[in-house]
C-alpha cells in the first residue's frame, strides 16, 4: 500500500475513476483532513497544503492539532 507522510501525518490514497483524481485523507487522527490531486505531484502539494492549513487553523483557534496515533499502548 502506498502512503505519503508529511510532518508526522500519513495519508490514504484512493483513485476516483469517475473524476479521474487521486483522493487523500489523513489517517490516525480524529479530525478529518481530505485533499485531492490530478497527479502525484499535485496530490503531494495538496497533502502539504492541507496539513499546513489544519495546523494553522488549530493555532488560530488556540487548540492543539490532533497528533497521529503511534500504535503503542502506554505501559501500566
Protein backbone atom coordinates (compact mmCIF):
# COMPACT_ATOMS: atom_id res chain seq x y z
CA UNK A 1 0.00 0.00 0.00
CA UNK A 2 1.37 3.41 -0.96
CA UNK A 3 1.42 6.17 1.61
CA UNK A 4 2.89 9.65 1.83
CA UNK A 5 3.97 11.27 5.08
CA UNK A 6 4.26 14.92 5.96
CA UNK A 7 5.05 16.45 9.37
CA UNK A 8 4.22 13.13 11.06
CA UNK A 9 0.86 12.75 9.31
CA UNK A 10 0.22 9.82 6.95
CA UNK A 11 -2.33 9.74 4.16
CA UNK A 12 -4.54 7.20 2.47
CA UNK A 13 -4.78 7.39 -1.33
CA UNK A 14 -7.76 6.31 -3.43
CA UNK A 15 -8.26 6.80 -7.15
CA UNK A 16 -11.64 8.21 -8.17
CA UNK A 17 -12.22 6.65 -11.58
CA UNK A 18 -15.21 8.86 -12.35
CA UNK A 19 -13.49 12.19 -11.71
CA UNK A 20 -10.00 10.85 -12.56
CA UNK A 21 -8.39 12.26 -9.41
CA UNK A 22 -6.41 10.87 -6.52
CA UNK A 23 -8.32 11.45 -3.29
CA UNK A 24 -6.49 11.55 0.03
CA UNK A 25 -7.35 11.53 3.70
CA UNK A 26 -5.04 11.85 6.70
CA UNK A 27 -5.10 8.71 8.83
CA UNK A 28 -4.97 8.02 12.57
CA UNK A 29 -6.47 11.29 13.86
CA UNK A 30 -10.00 12.17 14.98
CA UNK A 31 -10.19 15.31 12.85
CA UNK A 32 -10.95 14.93 9.14
CA UNK A 33 -8.40 16.23 6.65
CA UNK A 34 -9.09 15.49 2.98
CA UNK A 35 -7.49 16.65 -0.26
CA UNK A 36 -7.03 15.59 -3.88
CA UNK A 37 -4.87 15.99 -6.96
CA UNK A 38 -4.80 15.01 -10.61
CA UNK A 39 -1.17 13.85 -10.48
CA UNK A 40 1.18 12.52 -7.82
CA UNK A 41 2.97 15.89 -7.66
CA UNK A 42 -0.32 17.78 -7.30
CA UNK A 43 -1.53 15.26 -4.72
CA UNK A 44 1.63 15.72 -2.65
CA UNK A 45 1.28 19.53 -2.82
CA UNK A 46 -2.35 19.20 -1.71
CA UNK A 47 -1.32 16.98 1.23
CA UNK A 48 1.23 19.57 2.37
CA UNK A 49 -1.25 22.43 1.98
CA UNK A 50 -4.00 20.54 3.82
CA UNK A 51 -1.78 19.63 6.78
CA UNK A 52 -0.29 23.14 6.98
CA UNK A 53 -3.80 24.68 6.86
CA UNK A 54 -5.02 22.29 9.54
CA UNK A 55 -2.13 23.14 11.87
CA UNK A 56 -2.60 26.89 11.24
CA UNK A 57 -6.35 26.68 11.88
CA UNK A 58 -5.76 24.85 15.17
CA UNK A 59 -3.25 27.53 16.22
CA UNK A 60 -5.73 30.32 15.36
CA UNK A 61 -8.41 28.58 17.43
CA UNK A 62 -5.99 28.07 20.33
CA UNK A 63 -6.35 24.29 20.07
CA UNK A 64 -3.69 21.64 19.83
CA UNK A 65 -3.57 19.89 16.47
CA UNK A 66 -4.54 16.24 16.72
CA UNK A 67 -1.43 14.06 16.55
CA UNK A 68 -1.44 10.71 14.74
CA UNK A 69 -1.71 7.60 16.87
CA UNK A 70 1.61 5.80 17.07
CA UNK A 71 0.26 2.28 17.64
CA UNK A 72 1.81 1.90 21.09
CA UNK A 73 -0.10 1.37 24.29
CA UNK A 74 1.07 3.13 27.44
CA UNK A 75 2.71 0.83 30.00
CA UNK A 76 0.98 0.45 33.31
